[in-house]
N, C-alpha and C. Protein backbone atom coordinates (compact mmCIF):
# COMPACT_ATOMS: atom_id res chain seq x y z
N MET A 1 0.84 -1.18 0.00
CA MET A 1 0.00 0.00 0.00
C MET A 1 0.88 1.24 0.00
N THR A 2 0.60 2.15 -0.88
CA THR A 2 1.33 3.40 -0.96
C THR A 2 0.64 4.45 -0.10
N LEU A 3 1.40 5.08 0.79
CA LEU A 3 0.84 6.13 1.64
C LEU A 3 0.63 7.40 0.83
N GLN A 4 -0.40 8.13 1.20
CA GLN A 4 -0.70 9.42 0.58
C GLN A 4 -0.11 10.51 1.47
N TRP A 5 1.15 10.87 1.21
CA TRP A 5 1.87 11.83 2.06
C TRP A 5 1.33 13.23 1.88
N TRP A 6 1.31 13.99 2.96
CA TRP A 6 0.93 15.40 2.93
C TRP A 6 2.16 16.25 2.71
N THR A 7 2.00 17.34 2.00
CA THR A 7 3.14 18.23 1.76
C THR A 7 3.52 19.02 3.02
N LEU A 8 2.56 19.18 3.93
CA LEU A 8 2.81 19.91 5.17
C LEU A 8 2.20 19.15 6.34
N PRO A 9 3.03 18.56 7.21
CA PRO A 9 2.48 17.83 8.37
C PRO A 9 1.73 18.77 9.31
N VAL A 10 0.89 18.18 10.12
CA VAL A 10 0.14 18.94 11.13
C VAL A 10 0.29 18.21 12.47
N THR A 11 0.43 18.97 13.53
CA THR A 11 0.49 18.41 14.87
C THR A 11 -0.82 18.75 15.56
N ILE A 12 -1.45 17.72 16.14
CA ILE A 12 -2.81 17.87 16.65
C ILE A 12 -2.93 17.18 18.01
N GLU A 13 -3.80 17.71 18.85
CA GLU A 13 -4.00 17.15 20.19
C GLU A 13 -4.71 15.78 20.10
N THR A 14 -4.33 14.87 20.99
CA THR A 14 -4.95 13.55 21.05
C THR A 14 -6.01 13.53 22.15
N ARG A 15 -6.54 12.35 22.43
CA ARG A 15 -7.53 12.21 23.49
C ARG A 15 -6.97 12.54 24.87
N ARG A 16 -5.66 12.37 25.02
CA ARG A 16 -5.02 12.69 26.30
C ARG A 16 -4.64 14.17 26.28
N ALA A 17 -5.26 14.95 27.12
CA ALA A 17 -5.03 16.40 27.16
C ALA A 17 -3.54 16.71 27.28
N GLY A 18 -3.09 17.61 26.46
CA GLY A 18 -1.70 18.03 26.47
C GLY A 18 -0.78 17.15 25.64
N LYS A 19 -1.29 16.05 25.09
CA LYS A 19 -0.49 15.16 24.23
C LYS A 19 -0.83 15.44 22.78
N TYR A 20 0.21 15.54 21.98
CA TYR A 20 0.04 15.86 20.56
C TYR A 20 0.65 14.78 19.69
N LEU A 21 0.15 14.69 18.46
CA LEU A 21 0.61 13.71 17.48
C LEU A 21 0.84 14.44 16.16
N THR A 22 1.92 14.14 15.50
CA THR A 22 2.17 14.73 14.18
C THR A 22 1.64 13.79 13.11
N ILE A 23 0.83 14.33 12.24
CA ILE A 23 0.21 13.56 11.16
C ILE A 23 0.78 14.07 9.85
N ASP A 24 1.24 13.13 9.02
CA ASP A 24 1.87 13.51 7.75
C ASP A 24 1.34 12.72 6.55
N SER A 25 0.25 11.97 6.75
CA SER A 25 -0.31 11.21 5.63
C SER A 25 -1.81 11.02 5.82
N THR A 26 -2.47 10.73 4.72
CA THR A 26 -3.91 10.47 4.73
C THR A 26 -4.23 9.28 5.63
N GLU A 27 -3.43 8.24 5.53
CA GLU A 27 -3.67 7.03 6.31
C GLU A 27 -3.51 7.28 7.81
N LYS A 28 -2.50 8.05 8.18
CA LYS A 28 -2.30 8.37 9.59
C LYS A 28 -3.46 9.23 10.11
N ALA A 29 -3.99 10.11 9.28
CA ALA A 29 -5.13 10.93 9.66
C ALA A 29 -6.37 10.05 9.88
N ALA A 30 -6.56 9.06 9.04
CA ALA A 30 -7.69 8.15 9.21
C ALA A 30 -7.56 7.37 10.51
N GLU A 31 -6.38 6.89 10.82
CA GLU A 31 -6.14 6.17 12.08
C GLU A 31 -6.44 7.09 13.27
N TYR A 32 -6.00 8.34 13.16
CA TYR A 32 -6.25 9.32 14.22
C TYR A 32 -7.75 9.52 14.42
N MET A 33 -8.49 9.66 13.33
CA MET A 33 -9.93 9.89 13.45
C MET A 33 -10.62 8.71 14.11
N LEU A 34 -10.13 7.51 13.88
CA LEU A 34 -10.74 6.32 14.47
C LEU A 34 -10.34 6.11 15.94
N ALA A 35 -9.08 6.42 16.27
CA ALA A 35 -8.57 6.04 17.59
C ALA A 35 -8.27 7.19 18.55
N GLU A 36 -7.97 8.36 18.04
CA GLU A 36 -7.48 9.44 18.89
C GLU A 36 -8.33 10.71 18.87
N TRP A 37 -9.33 10.77 18.03
CA TRP A 37 -10.13 12.00 17.89
C TRP A 37 -10.74 12.36 19.23
N PRO A 38 -10.33 13.49 19.83
CA PRO A 38 -10.81 13.82 21.17
C PRO A 38 -12.19 14.47 21.19
N GLY A 39 -12.61 14.98 20.07
CA GLY A 39 -13.88 15.69 20.03
C GLY A 39 -15.04 14.77 19.67
N ASN A 40 -16.18 15.39 19.52
CA ASN A 40 -17.39 14.68 19.13
C ASN A 40 -17.21 14.14 17.71
N GLN A 41 -17.53 12.89 17.50
CA GLN A 41 -17.35 12.28 16.19
C GLN A 41 -18.62 12.38 15.35
N THR A 42 -19.21 13.54 15.40
CA THR A 42 -20.38 13.84 14.57
C THR A 42 -20.15 15.19 13.94
N GLY A 43 -21.01 15.52 13.02
CA GLY A 43 -20.92 16.82 12.38
C GLY A 43 -20.67 16.69 10.89
N LYS A 44 -21.11 17.68 10.18
CA LYS A 44 -20.99 17.67 8.74
C LYS A 44 -19.53 17.61 8.29
N LEU A 45 -18.67 18.40 8.91
CA LEU A 45 -17.27 18.44 8.49
C LEU A 45 -16.52 17.17 8.89
N PHE A 46 -16.90 16.55 10.01
CA PHE A 46 -16.29 15.27 10.40
C PHE A 46 -16.61 14.22 9.34
N ASP A 47 -17.86 14.14 8.94
CA ASP A 47 -18.25 13.17 7.91
C ASP A 47 -17.58 13.46 6.57
N ARG A 48 -17.47 14.73 6.22
CA ARG A 48 -16.78 15.09 4.97
C ARG A 48 -15.32 14.71 5.01
N ALA A 49 -14.70 14.91 6.16
CA ALA A 49 -13.28 14.57 6.31
C ALA A 49 -13.07 13.06 6.16
N LYS A 50 -13.92 12.27 6.80
CA LYS A 50 -13.80 10.81 6.67
C LYS A 50 -13.89 10.40 5.20
N GLN A 51 -14.86 10.97 4.49
CA GLN A 51 -15.02 10.62 3.08
C GLN A 51 -13.83 11.11 2.26
N ALA A 52 -13.33 12.29 2.56
CA ALA A 52 -12.17 12.82 1.84
C ALA A 52 -10.94 11.94 2.04
N LEU A 53 -10.74 11.43 3.24
CA LEU A 53 -9.61 10.54 3.49
C LEU A 53 -9.74 9.24 2.70
N ILE A 54 -10.95 8.72 2.62
CA ILE A 54 -11.19 7.52 1.81
C ILE A 54 -10.94 7.83 0.33
N ASP A 55 -11.45 8.96 -0.13
CA ASP A 55 -11.28 9.34 -1.54
C ASP A 55 -9.82 9.56 -1.89
N ALA A 56 -9.06 10.14 -0.97
CA ALA A 56 -7.63 10.35 -1.23
C ALA A 56 -6.90 9.01 -1.28
N HIS A 57 -7.26 8.13 -0.38
CA HIS A 57 -6.64 6.79 -0.38
C HIS A 57 -6.92 6.07 -1.70
N ASP A 58 -8.12 6.28 -2.24
CA ASP A 58 -8.51 5.69 -3.53
C ASP A 58 -8.05 6.51 -4.73
N ARG A 59 -7.31 7.59 -4.44
CA ARG A 59 -6.76 8.50 -5.46
C ARG A 59 -7.84 9.22 -6.28
N LYS A 60 -8.98 9.47 -5.65
CA LYS A 60 -10.05 10.23 -6.30
C LYS A 60 -9.86 11.73 -6.09
N ILE A 61 -9.18 12.09 -4.98
CA ILE A 61 -8.84 13.48 -4.71
C ILE A 61 -7.39 13.51 -4.22
N SER A 62 -6.82 14.68 -4.15
CA SER A 62 -5.42 14.79 -3.71
C SER A 62 -5.31 14.62 -2.19
N ALA A 63 -4.13 14.23 -1.76
CA ALA A 63 -3.86 14.11 -0.33
C ALA A 63 -4.01 15.46 0.35
N ASP A 64 -3.62 16.53 -0.34
CA ASP A 64 -3.74 17.85 0.27
C ASP A 64 -5.20 18.30 0.41
N ALA A 65 -6.06 17.87 -0.51
CA ALA A 65 -7.49 18.16 -0.36
C ALA A 65 -8.05 17.42 0.86
N ALA A 66 -7.61 16.18 1.06
CA ALA A 66 -8.02 15.43 2.24
C ALA A 66 -7.51 16.09 3.52
N ARG A 67 -6.28 16.60 3.46
CA ARG A 67 -5.70 17.31 4.61
C ARG A 67 -6.55 18.52 4.98
N ARG A 68 -6.94 19.29 3.98
CA ARG A 68 -7.77 20.47 4.24
C ARG A 68 -9.10 20.08 4.89
N ALA A 69 -9.72 18.99 4.41
CA ALA A 69 -10.98 18.53 4.98
C ALA A 69 -10.78 18.06 6.43
N PHE A 70 -9.68 17.38 6.68
CA PHE A 70 -9.34 16.91 8.03
C PHE A 70 -9.19 18.09 8.98
N LEU A 71 -8.47 19.11 8.56
CA LEU A 71 -8.26 20.28 9.41
C LEU A 71 -9.54 21.07 9.64
N ALA A 72 -10.41 21.11 8.63
CA ALA A 72 -11.70 21.79 8.80
C ALA A 72 -12.53 21.07 9.86
N ALA A 73 -12.49 19.74 9.87
CA ALA A 73 -13.22 18.97 10.88
C ALA A 73 -12.63 19.19 12.27
N ALA A 74 -11.31 19.23 12.35
CA ALA A 74 -10.66 19.48 13.64
C ALA A 74 -11.03 20.87 14.16
N GLU A 75 -11.03 21.84 13.28
CA GLU A 75 -11.39 23.20 13.69
C GLU A 75 -12.84 23.25 14.17
N GLU A 76 -13.73 22.60 13.43
CA GLU A 76 -15.15 22.55 13.82
C GLU A 76 -15.31 21.92 15.21
N ALA A 77 -14.50 20.90 15.52
CA ALA A 77 -14.59 20.20 16.80
C ALA A 77 -13.83 20.91 17.91
N GLY A 78 -13.08 21.96 17.56
CA GLY A 78 -12.32 22.70 18.57
C GLY A 78 -11.07 21.98 19.04
N ILE A 79 -10.51 21.14 18.18
CA ILE A 79 -9.31 20.39 18.53
C ILE A 79 -8.09 21.23 18.18
N PRO A 80 -7.24 21.51 19.15
CA PRO A 80 -6.05 22.32 18.87
C PRO A 80 -5.07 21.61 17.93
N PHE A 81 -4.57 22.37 16.96
CA PHE A 81 -3.56 21.84 16.04
C PHE A 81 -2.70 23.00 15.55
N PHE A 82 -1.53 22.66 15.00
CA PHE A 82 -0.70 23.66 14.35
C PHE A 82 0.05 22.99 13.21
N ASN A 83 0.33 23.80 12.19
CA ASN A 83 1.06 23.32 11.03
C ASN A 83 2.55 23.31 11.31
N GLN A 84 3.23 22.36 10.72
CA GLN A 84 4.68 22.31 10.82
C GLN A 84 5.30 22.84 9.55
N CYS A 85 6.41 23.50 9.69
CA CYS A 85 7.09 24.03 8.50
C CYS A 85 8.29 23.20 8.16
């Protein structure tokens, strides 16, 4: 399986307050949404992000488009994150 790497990693808070994880691929983002997502797992942007990650894995959209959808869902849920340079 080929990973869908992101051009810009993001560091995001996990379920454990004060603990952060750096995500650099579509697949790692999907794992995070399943296992570490600290916020409510509902909402329009959460569902869009899940679908975007699937679509990127299937090469229907770019990894960066999936990244943007993932970050929009995190923002909607109030999950702290920051971009890495």
